[in-house]
Each structure stands twice: as C-alpha cells, then as structure tokens.
Amino acid sequence: MKTNKIRIFYWVATGIFALMMLMDAIGGITHEATGVAVIKHLGYPEYVLTIFGVAKLLGAIAILQPKFQTIKEWAYAGFAINFIGAFCSRAAVGDPIGELIPPVVALLIMFVPYYAWKRFEAAKETSHRLAAI
C-alpha cells in the first residue's frame, strides 16, 4: 500500500513539473513576447529561446518516461543547471531581489518530483526484494 501512495505522489509531482516545463518550452520555441524581452534584457541572443525550448521539451519527455533512468537523471540535472543559470544571469545584470526569487523557487519545485522519483524507485526495489523472498 505504501508503494501505491508513493507512486501517486511521484506521478502527480512529475506530471505537474513536466507540464510546467512543457509550457515553458512552447513559449521558448514560439518566441513568446515576454520570453524574448527577458532574453534580450539578460543580453542573450534571441535564438537561445529555441535551444532552451527544445531542451526543456526533451527534458519533460525524459522525466515522464520510465525506462531510461540515466536520461531522466540528466534531464533533472539540465533543469537544475537552467534554473541556477537563470538566477546567475538575473543577478549578473543587477535585477532586483524579486526577479532572483522565481528561479530559486523553480529549482525547489523541481526537487519535489526528483525526490518522489527516488522514493518511488526505492519502494519498487524493496517491493521486488520482498516478493522474491
């Protein structure tokens, strides 16, 4: 029963985070106006929106798939690098503290499905070991 609760928590947290990244990816790929303004404000060329958007799209797919664990791990690492980079970029251009908080919050949100995934995998492993006895 504990495994079912962990499974539900894992899939809900992962689904919500993947949806957030998917929406951000679409905004980047389509060069949504707000994203263009932010990228220009930070001093990056506009084409990075497409690169970041495609990377987020692939990352969202990677965290939703259950088979390739290393790819999933790298996707979470990529998201972490993205959020840390966003924080550093905003700090580098002198943005106020209110603009520095969202990337940190996004990083903290990302750790919820990551933690849930690790708990789910551990619960599955324990369940398999107990079933083998």
Protein backbone atom coordinates (compact mmCIF):
# COMPACT_ATOMS: atom_id res chain seq x y z
CA MET A 1 0.00 0.00 0.00
CA LYS A 2 2.84 2.39 0.81
CA THR A 3 4.19 1.87 -2.71
CA ASN A 4 0.85 2.99 -4.19
CA LYS A 5 0.90 6.26 -2.22
CA ILE A 6 4.46 6.91 -3.30
CA ARG A 7 3.55 6.05 -6.92
CA ILE A 8 0.64 8.50 -6.90
CA PHE A 9 2.75 11.25 -5.31
CA TYR A 10 5.52 10.59 -7.84
CA TRP A 11 3.26 10.75 -10.89
CA VAL A 12 1.33 13.83 -9.71
CA ALA A 13 4.51 15.76 -8.84
CA THR A 14 6.25 14.67 -12.05
CA GLY A 15 3.21 15.43 -14.21
CA ILE A 16 2.83 18.93 -12.79
CA PHE A 17 6.52 19.73 -13.18
CA ALA A 18 6.66 18.25 -16.71
CA LEU A 19 3.62 20.33 -17.66
CA MET A 20 5.32 23.46 -16.31
CA MET A 21 8.42 22.71 -18.38
CA LEU A 22 6.34 21.85 -21.45
CA MET A 23 4.54 25.20 -21.26
CA ASP A 24 7.87 26.99 -20.85
CA ALA A 25 9.29 25.00 -23.77
CA ILE A 26 6.42 26.00 -26.05
CA GLY A 27 6.90 29.65 -25.05
CA GLY A 28 10.58 29.40 -25.93
CA ILE A 29 10.12 27.56 -29.21
CA THR A 30 7.44 30.02 -30.35
CA HIS A 31 9.48 33.02 -29.15
CA GLU A 32 6.66 34.31 -26.94
CA ALA A 33 6.97 38.08 -26.44
CA THR A 34 7.68 38.04 -22.70
CA GLY A 35 10.42 35.45 -23.15
CA VAL A 36 12.00 37.49 -25.94
CA ALA A 37 12.01 40.58 -23.73
CA VAL A 38 13.63 38.70 -20.83
CA ILE A 39 16.29 37.10 -23.03
CA LYS A 40 17.18 40.47 -24.56
CA HIS A 41 17.24 42.09 -21.10
CA LEU A 42 19.70 39.41 -19.97
CA GLY A 43 21.91 40.03 -23.01
CA TYR A 44 21.42 36.70 -24.77
CA PRO A 45 20.67 36.32 -28.47
CA GLU A 46 17.03 35.53 -29.25
CA TYR A 47 17.84 32.18 -30.85
CA VAL A 48 18.71 30.69 -27.44
CA LEU A 49 14.96 30.61 -26.76
CA THR A 50 14.66 27.88 -29.37
CA ILE A 51 17.61 25.96 -27.92
CA PHE A 52 16.29 26.22 -24.36
CA GLY A 53 12.76 25.43 -25.52
CA VAL A 54 13.78 22.26 -27.32
CA ALA A 55 15.95 21.22 -24.36
CA LYS A 56 13.02 21.72 -21.96
CA LEU A 57 10.70 19.79 -24.26
CA LEU A 58 13.14 16.87 -24.39
CA GLY A 59 13.70 17.13 -20.63
CA ALA A 60 9.95 16.97 -19.95
CA ILE A 61 9.69 13.86 -22.12
CA ALA A 62 12.72 12.35 -20.39
CA ILE A 63 11.33 12.74 -16.88
CA LEU A 64 8.00 11.22 -17.92
CA GLN A 65 9.45 8.08 -19.47
CA PRO A 66 10.05 5.22 -17.01
CA LYS A 67 12.68 3.15 -18.82
CA PHE A 68 15.91 5.10 -19.24
CA GLN A 69 16.99 6.15 -15.76
CA THR A 70 20.26 7.82 -16.77
CA ILE A 71 18.48 10.04 -19.30
CA LYS A 72 15.97 11.01 -16.60
CA GLU A 73 18.82 11.84 -14.20
CA TRP A 74 20.49 14.01 -16.85
CA ALA A 75 17.19 15.79 -17.57
CA TYR A 76 16.86 16.75 -13.92
CA ALA A 77 20.49 17.92 -13.95
CA GLY A 78 19.73 20.03 -17.03
CA PHE A 79 16.73 21.62 -15.36
CA ALA A 80 18.84 22.39 -12.28
CA ILE A 81 21.54 24.00 -14.45
CA ASN A 82 18.85 26.01 -16.24
CA PHE A 83 17.40 27.40 -13.00
CA ILE A 84 20.80 28.14 -11.49
CA GLY A 85 21.82 29.82 -14.76
CA ALA A 86 18.66 31.92 -14.73
CA PHE A 87 19.39 33.05 -11.17
CA CYS A 88 23.01 33.90 -12.03
CA SER A 89 22.02 35.71 -15.24
CA ARG A 90 19.49 37.86 -13.43
CA ALA A 91 21.97 38.61 -10.65
CA ALA A 92 24.67 39.50 -13.21
CA VAL A 93 22.52 42.17 -14.87
CA GLY A 94 21.59 43.64 -11.50
CA ASP A 95 17.95 42.61 -11.37
CA PRO A 96 16.18 43.29 -8.06
CA ILE A 97 15.73 40.50 -5.50
CA GLY A 98 12.15 39.94 -6.63
CA GLU A 99 13.47 38.78 -10.01
CA LEU A 100 16.03 36.46 -8.41
CA ILE A 101 13.44 34.51 -6.41
CA PRO A 102 11.50 32.73 -9.23
CA PRO A 103 14.45 30.64 -10.49
CA VAL A 104 15.19 29.55 -6.92
CA VAL A 105 11.54 28.63 -6.38
CA ALA A 106 11.54 26.69 -9.66
CA LEU A 107 14.65 24.81 -8.52
CA LEU A 108 12.96 23.93 -5.23
CA ILE A 109 9.81 22.82 -7.07
CA MET A 110 11.97 20.62 -9.31
CA PHE A 111 13.32 18.77 -6.29
CA VAL A 112 9.81 17.57 -5.34
CA PRO A 113 9.36 15.22 -8.34
CA TYR A 114 13.05 14.30 -8.20
CA TYR A 115 12.73 13.26 -4.55
CA ALA A 116 9.45 11.47 -5.32
CA TRP A 117 11.13 9.58 -8.15
CA LYS A 118 13.96 8.43 -5.90
CA ARG A 119 11.46 7.33 -3.22
CA PHE A 120 9.36 5.51 -5.83
CA GLU A 121 12.37 3.65 -7.23
CA ALA A 122 13.47 2.67 -3.71
CA ALA A 123 9.94 1.46 -2.87
CA LYS A 124 9.81 -0.60 -6.08
CA GLU A 125 13.18 -2.16 -5.29
CA THR A 126 12.07 -3.03 -1.75
CA SER A 127 8.82 -4.47 -3.07
CA HIS A 128 10.68 -6.63 -5.61
CA ARG A 129 13.08 -7.89 -2.94
CA LEU A 130 10.22 -8.79 -0.61
CA ALA A 131 8.36 -10.55 -3.41
CA ALA A 132 11.44 -12.65 -4.16
CA ILE A 133 11.61 -13.97 -0.61
